[in-house]
Amino acid sequence: MPLDPPIAAVLDLLANSGTPMAMVDGTPEQAREGFRTMTVGLRDPATLAPVRSVQDGIVRGPAGDIPIRTYRPDVDGPVPTVLFLHGGGFVIGDLDTHDDHARLICHDVEAVVVSVDYRLAPEHPFPAGFEDCLAATRWAAENISSLGGDPERIAVAGDSAGGNLSAAVALATTREGGPRLAAQLLIYPGVDFREDDTLHPSRVENGEGLFLTAEDMRWFRNHYLQDDVHIEDPRASVLLATDLTGVPPAVVGTGEYDPLRDEGEAYAKALEAAGVKVVLRRYDGLIHGFFGMGTWSPASAAATRDLCEEFRALLG
């Protein structure tokens, strides 16, 4: 179907804005500042989903303290606990840029959400971010009584790079002694670092002019992996894991005009082939990043609600 009209209008505005420098032409620090301006700086606080409370904290990680932010829903009794792992190509993004995502999941899923400020590349390349996310997940399981309170309903969720990290954590906890996770929400995840674009045609079909570009993805990849040694490591290219049996049920969401569409859907099919319960949703007309576009794109808002409803159903 055609590109969602409100999204098309914004893309036209960006294309004609005279922005002097693309993200890939600058430093990671400049990219981070630009992303914060686009998200935090332009966000209307009145549009944020309401939650009962928000509290910042620290988790001890493999290389030092990991900042976290805990969101609590306005419900009583034991609820699920969701580790939220933000997107941003492993290079940009933080607790503030994805505050809206975490609040939405907390409110719509009625879960305690622990958002994880994992280490970023290139200062901390693979597997630093993954190790932080795994450590935070294990910390949540050990402290579940002070979080959602239900040890049978711990889950991971993430968008883009965070979808990659969520899938990798779900696989690692399944293979490496827990904790046993109840579900995973993978929002337009990147799961294959191999550079052969013929493997995933959407990388070419949607590689220009649709917010996330093929050039952006190469820039992120080069900062995160920094060499070719880890391309086929399943903690990075989760699609290449040799055994996916036993991993938690998954909700996978993709956008029709997203360069990551095909690899996300390939991962959903690989999970299904391994006997894992999977809910795969492709949202026609939408682009990469739609989970954060609901305030001005009704179609994005509907897709976001749908993904949260499916995730909530998996969590019971």
Protein backbone atom coordinates (compact mmCIF):
# COMPACT_ATOMS: atom_id res chain seq x y z
CA MET A 1 0.00 0.00 0.00
CA PRO A 2 1.15 3.63 -0.28
CA LEU A 3 3.35 5.20 2.35
CA ASP A 4 1.31 6.45 5.32
CA PRO A 5 0.43 10.08 4.40
CA PRO A 6 1.46 11.71 7.71
CA ILE A 7 4.80 9.88 7.56
CA ALA A 8 5.26 10.84 3.90
CA ALA A 9 4.67 14.49 4.83
CA VAL A 10 7.31 14.38 7.55
CA LEU A 11 9.82 12.66 5.26
CA ASP A 12 9.22 15.38 2.65
CA LEU A 13 9.75 18.03 5.31
CA LEU A 14 13.04 16.45 6.38
CA ALA A 15 14.21 16.09 2.77
CA ASN A 16 13.58 19.78 2.12
CA SER A 17 14.82 21.10 5.47
CA GLY A 18 18.31 21.92 4.28
CA THR A 19 19.89 19.87 7.06
CA PRO A 20 23.61 20.51 6.54
CA MET A 21 24.99 17.10 7.49
CA ALA A 22 23.78 13.52 7.42
CA MET A 23 24.34 11.41 10.53
CA VAL A 24 26.97 9.30 8.82
CA ASP A 25 28.99 12.41 7.96
CA GLY A 26 29.47 13.31 11.60
CA THR A 27 30.82 11.79 14.78
CA PRO A 28 28.90 9.46 17.09
CA GLU A 29 28.65 12.34 19.58
CA GLN A 30 27.04 14.57 16.95
CA ALA A 31 24.66 11.78 15.94
CA ARG A 32 23.64 11.27 19.57
CA GLU A 33 22.96 14.96 20.06
CA GLY A 34 20.95 15.13 16.83
CA PHE A 35 18.88 12.12 17.84
CA ARG A 36 18.18 13.61 21.28
CA THR A 37 17.06 16.84 19.62
CA MET A 38 14.73 14.93 17.29
CA THR A 39 13.23 12.87 20.13
CA VAL A 40 13.50 14.56 23.52
CA GLY A 41 13.73 18.10 22.21
CA LEU A 42 10.65 17.90 20.01
CA ARG A 43 8.53 15.73 22.29
CA ASP A 44 5.40 17.15 23.90
CA PRO A 45 5.29 15.79 27.49
CA ALA A 46 1.49 15.88 27.32
CA THR A 47 1.57 13.06 24.77
CA LEU A 48 3.43 10.60 27.04
CA ALA A 49 1.53 7.57 28.28
CA PRO A 50 0.68 7.90 31.98
CA VAL A 51 2.35 5.60 34.50
CA ARG A 52 2.22 5.40 38.29
CA SER A 53 5.89 6.16 38.93
CA VAL A 54 9.31 6.49 37.33
CA GLN A 55 12.54 5.88 39.23
CA ASP A 56 16.18 5.96 38.13
CA GLY A 57 18.63 3.43 39.50
CA ILE A 58 21.85 1.52 38.99
CA VAL A 59 22.58 -2.13 38.24
CA ARG A 60 26.02 -3.63 38.68
CA GLY A 61 27.26 -4.85 35.30
CA PRO A 62 30.30 -6.73 34.01
CA ALA A 63 32.28 -3.52 33.54
CA GLY A 64 30.73 -1.17 36.07
CA ASP A 65 27.40 0.46 36.84
CA ILE A 66 24.55 0.28 34.33
CA PRO A 67 21.95 3.06 34.64
CA ILE A 68 18.34 1.87 34.54
CA ARG A 69 14.94 3.54 34.74
CA THR A 70 12.00 1.67 36.24
CA TYR A 71 8.41 2.45 35.22
CA ARG A 72 5.48 1.13 37.25
CA PRO A 73 1.92 0.81 35.92
CA ASP A 74 -1.10 2.13 37.74
CA VAL A 75 -2.34 -1.34 38.73
CA ASP A 76 -2.03 -3.42 41.88
CA GLY A 77 -0.88 -6.98 42.41
CA PRO A 78 1.84 -9.00 40.70
CA VAL A 79 2.46 -7.89 37.10
CA PRO A 80 4.97 -8.85 34.40
CA THR A 81 8.44 -7.31 34.40
CA VAL A 82 9.81 -6.24 31.03
CA LEU A 83 13.44 -5.36 30.34
CA PHE A 84 13.29 -2.66 27.67
CA LEU A 85 16.38 -2.37 25.44
CA HIS A 86 16.36 0.79 23.34
CA GLY A 87 17.20 1.14 19.67
CA GLY A 88 19.69 3.41 17.98
CA GLY A 89 22.04 1.18 16.04
CA PHE A 90 24.09 0.34 19.15
CA VAL A 91 25.61 3.84 18.83
CA ILE A 92 22.89 6.37 19.71
CA GLY A 93 19.88 6.39 22.04
CA ASP A 94 19.50 6.42 25.81
CA LEU A 95 16.92 6.35 28.60
CA ASP A 96 15.52 9.75 27.58
CA THR A 97 15.25 9.20 23.82
CA HIS A 98 13.12 6.12 24.44
CA ASP A 99 11.22 7.31 27.49
CA ASP A 100 8.04 7.36 25.39
CA HIS A 101 8.55 3.73 24.26
CA ALA A 102 9.05 2.50 27.83
CA ARG A 103 5.99 4.40 29.08
CA LEU A 104 3.82 2.99 26.29
CA ILE A 105 4.77 -0.58 27.12
CA CYS A 106 4.32 0.02 30.85
CA HIS A 107 0.86 1.51 30.32
CA ASP A 108 -0.50 -0.71 27.54
CA VAL A 109 0.94 -4.02 28.74
CA GLU A 110 0.40 -3.16 32.43
CA ALA A 111 3.92 -4.26 33.28
CA VAL A 112 6.84 -2.94 35.28
CA VAL A 113 9.35 -1.81 32.66
CA VAL A 114 13.07 -1.61 33.39
CA SER A 115 14.75 0.46 30.68
CA VAL A 116 18.45 -0.31 30.35
CA ASP A 117 21.10 2.30 29.46
CA TYR A 118 23.64 -0.19 28.10
CA ARG A 119 27.10 0.82 26.87
CA LEU A 120 27.29 2.19 23.34
CA ALA A 121 29.72 1.73 20.47
CA PRO A 122 32.23 2.74 19.22
CA GLU A 123 33.58 3.43 22.71
CA HIS A 124 32.25 0.05 23.81
CA PRO A 125 31.93 -2.27 20.80
CA PHE A 126 30.31 -5.70 20.67
CA PRO A 127 29.69 -7.54 22.94
CA ALA A 128 29.62 -4.79 25.60
CA GLY A 129 26.00 -3.73 25.05
CA PHE A 130 24.80 -7.32 24.95
CA GLU A 131 26.66 -8.15 28.18
CA ASP A 132 25.04 -5.18 29.95
CA CYS A 133 21.56 -6.19 28.80
CA LEU A 134 22.08 -9.79 29.90
CA ALA A 135 23.37 -8.63 33.29
CA ALA A 136 20.36 -6.34 33.77
CA THR A 137 17.98 -9.16 32.87
CA ARG A 138 19.56 -11.45 35.43
CA TRP A 139 19.48 -8.68 38.03
CA ALA A 140 15.74 -8.25 37.41
CA ALA A 141 15.14 -11.96 37.96
CA GLU A 142 17.10 -11.85 41.22
CA ASN A 143 15.11 -8.81 42.39
CA ILE A 144 11.72 -9.71 41.00
CA SER A 145 9.97 -9.27 44.36
CA SER A 146 10.76 -5.55 44.26
CA LEU A 147 9.75 -5.21 40.60
CA GLY A 148 6.68 -6.88 39.05
CA GLY A 149 6.64 -9.63 41.64
CA ASP A 150 5.90 -12.52 39.25
CA PRO A 151 8.98 -14.67 38.50
CA GLU A 152 7.05 -16.54 35.79
CA ARG A 153 6.46 -13.38 33.75
CA ILE A 154 9.83 -11.79 33.00
CA ALA A 155 10.27 -10.64 29.40
CA VAL A 156 12.44 -8.58 27.08
CA ALA A 157 11.40 -5.96 24.55
CA GLY A 158 13.27 -3.67 22.20
CA ASP A 159 13.15 -1.73 18.96
CA SER A 160 15.68 -2.05 16.12
CA ALA A 161 19.08 -2.57 17.77
CA GLY A 162 17.13 -3.17 20.97
CA GLY A 163 15.19 -5.88 19.15
CA ASN A 164 18.51 -7.48 18.27
CA LEU A 165 19.65 -7.30 21.89
CA SER A 166 16.33 -8.65 23.15
CA ALA A 167 16.52 -11.65 20.82
CA ALA A 168 20.15 -12.27 21.80
CA VAL A 169 19.34 -12.08 25.52
CA ALA A 170 16.36 -14.41 25.07
CA LEU A 171 18.60 -16.93 23.32
CA ALA A 172 21.40 -16.61 25.90
CA THR A 173 19.10 -17.05 28.88
CA THR A 174 17.61 -20.14 27.23
CA ARG A 175 21.01 -21.71 26.58
CA GLU A 176 22.99 -20.48 29.59
CA GLY A 177 21.02 -21.29 32.71
CA GLY A 178 18.32 -18.68 32.79
CA PRO A 179 16.45 -16.83 33.91
CA ARG A 180 13.62 -18.39 31.98
CA LEU A 181 11.83 -15.64 30.08
CA ALA A 182 8.11 -15.67 29.34
CA ALA A 183 8.10 -13.68 26.10
CA GLN A 184 9.97 -11.33 23.81
CA LEU A 185 8.75 -8.29 21.86
CA LEU A 186 10.95 -7.64 18.84
CA ILE A 187 10.06 -4.34 17.15
CA TYR A 188 11.59 -4.15 13.64
CA PRO A 189 14.69 -6.01 14.86
CA GLY A 190 18.00 -6.14 13.00
CA VAL A 191 19.21 -9.73 13.29
CA ASP A 192 21.74 -10.32 10.49
CA PHE A 193 25.02 -8.42 10.10
CA ARG A 194 26.03 -10.16 6.89
CA GLU A 195 26.58 -7.55 4.16
CA ASP A 196 25.03 -9.52 1.29
CA ASP A 197 21.92 -7.45 0.56
CA THR A 198 20.52 -10.14 -1.72
CA LEU A 199 19.73 -12.10 1.44
CA HIS A 200 17.22 -9.44 2.49
CA PRO A 201 15.88 -7.46 -0.50
CA SER A 202 14.15 -4.85 1.69
CA ARG A 203 17.58 -3.43 2.48
CA VAL A 204 17.77 -2.27 -1.14
CA GLU A 205 14.06 -1.63 -1.74
CA ASN A 206 13.80 0.61 1.33
CA GLY A 207 17.41 1.73 1.62
CA GLU A 208 16.99 5.41 0.73
CA GLY A 209 14.71 8.25 1.77
CA LEU A 210 12.72 6.35 4.38
CA PHE A 211 14.34 7.55 7.61
CA LEU A 212 16.74 4.62 8.18
CA THR A 213 19.06 4.26 5.18
CA ALA A 214 21.41 1.55 3.96
CA GLU A 215 24.28 3.97 4.58
CA ASP A 216 23.13 4.47 8.18
CA MET A 217 23.07 0.71 8.74
CA ARG A 218 26.63 0.29 7.46
CA TRP A 219 27.77 3.15 9.71
CA PHE A 220 26.14 1.56 12.76
CA ARG A 221 27.52 -1.87 11.89
CA ASN A 222 31.08 -0.60 11.49
CA HIS A 223 30.96 1.15 14.87
CA TYR A 224 29.40 -1.81 16.69
CA LEU A 225 31.32 -4.76 15.28
CA GLN A 226 34.43 -2.84 14.10
CA ASP A 227 35.69 -5.93 12.24
CA ASP A 228 34.34 -9.06 10.56
CA VAL A 229 35.24 -11.47 13.37
CA HIS A 230 31.84 -11.41 15.06
CA ILE A 231 29.51 -11.21 12.03
CA GLU A 232 28.26 -14.77 12.51
CA ASP A 233 28.29 -14.74 16.31
CA PRO A 234 24.65 -15.45 17.31
CA ARG A 235 24.90 -12.76 19.99
CA ALA A 236 25.13 -10.34 17.05
CA SER A 237 23.57 -12.04 14.03
CA VAL A 238 20.85 -13.84 15.96
CA LEU A 239 19.32 -15.13 12.73
CA LEU A 240 22.38 -17.36 12.32
CA ALA A 241 21.90 -19.21 15.62
CA THR A 242 22.03 -22.95 14.92
CA ASP A 243 19.37 -23.87 17.48
CA LEU A 244 16.39 -21.71 18.41
CA THR A 245 14.35 -24.41 20.12
CA GLY A 246 13.02 -23.52 23.53
CA VAL A 247 13.38 -19.74 23.28
CA PRO A 248 10.46 -17.67 24.62
CA PRO A 249 7.36 -16.96 22.53
CA ALA A 250 7.78 -13.85 20.42
CA VAL A 251 5.84 -10.96 18.98
CA VAL A 252 7.67 -9.59 15.94
CA GLY A 253 6.61 -6.33 14.29
CA THR A 254 7.88 -5.06 10.94
CA GLY A 255 7.09 -2.13 8.66
CA GLU A 256 6.44 -2.42 4.93
CA TYR A 257 8.91 0.37 4.10
CA ASP A 258 11.65 -0.61 6.56
CA PRO A 259 15.03 -1.85 5.28
CA LEU A 260 15.05 -4.30 8.22
CA ARG A 261 11.67 -5.79 7.24
CA ASP A 262 12.89 -8.95 5.56
CA GLU A 263 15.43 -10.02 8.17
CA GLY A 264 12.93 -9.46 10.99
CA GLU A 265 10.40 -11.62 9.18
CA ALA A 266 13.07 -14.22 8.40
CA TYR A 267 13.81 -14.45 12.13
CA ALA A 268 10.12 -14.88 12.93
CA LYS A 269 9.96 -17.75 10.43
CA ALA A 270 13.12 -19.32 11.87
CA LEU A 271 11.58 -19.21 15.36
CA GLU A 272 8.38 -20.76 14.06
CA ALA A 273 10.36 -23.51 12.30
CA ALA A 274 12.03 -24.27 15.65
CA GLY A 275 8.64 -24.79 17.28
CA VAL A 276 8.47 -21.40 19.00
CA LYS A 277 5.11 -19.63 19.23
CA VAL A 278 5.37 -16.49 17.10
CA VAL A 279 3.03 -13.61 16.33
CA LEU A 280 4.33 -11.82 13.23
CA ARG A 281 2.78 -8.51 12.21
CA ARG A 282 3.78 -6.53 9.14
CA TYR A 283 2.31 -3.00 9.15
CA ASP A 284 1.73 -1.76 5.64
CA GLY A 285 2.53 1.84 4.85
CA LEU A 286 4.87 2.25 7.84
CA ILE A 287 8.61 2.86 8.12
CA HIS A 288 11.38 2.09 10.56
CA GLY A 289 10.74 3.84 13.86
CA PHE A 290 6.94 3.75 13.72
CA PHE A 291 6.69 2.70 17.38
CA GLY A 292 7.69 6.26 18.31
CA MET A 293 5.56 8.05 15.69
CA GLY A 294 2.09 7.53 17.10
CA THR A 295 1.54 11.13 18.21
CA TRP A 296 1.28 12.32 14.60
CA SER A 297 0.61 9.12 12.62
CA PRO A 298 -2.65 7.37 13.53
CA ALA A 299 -1.55 4.27 11.63
CA SER A 300 1.62 4.11 13.72
CA ALA A 301 -0.40 4.55 16.91
CA ALA A 302 -2.68 1.67 15.88
CA ALA A 303 0.31 -0.56 15.09
CA THR A 304 1.89 0.24 18.44
CA ARG A 305 -1.32 -0.61 20.30
CA ASP A 306 -1.61 -3.85 18.37
CA LEU A 307 1.93 -4.96 19.21
CA CYS A 308 1.43 -4.15 22.89
CA GLU A 309 -1.86 -6.06 22.94
CA GLU A 310 -0.22 -9.14 21.42
CA PHE A 311 2.68 -8.90 23.86
CA ARG A 312 0.29 -8.53 26.77
CA ALA A 313 -1.58 -11.63 25.61
CA LEU A 314 1.65 -13.66 25.56
CA LEU A 315 2.35 -12.52 29.10
CA GLY A 316 -1.09 -13.51 30.29
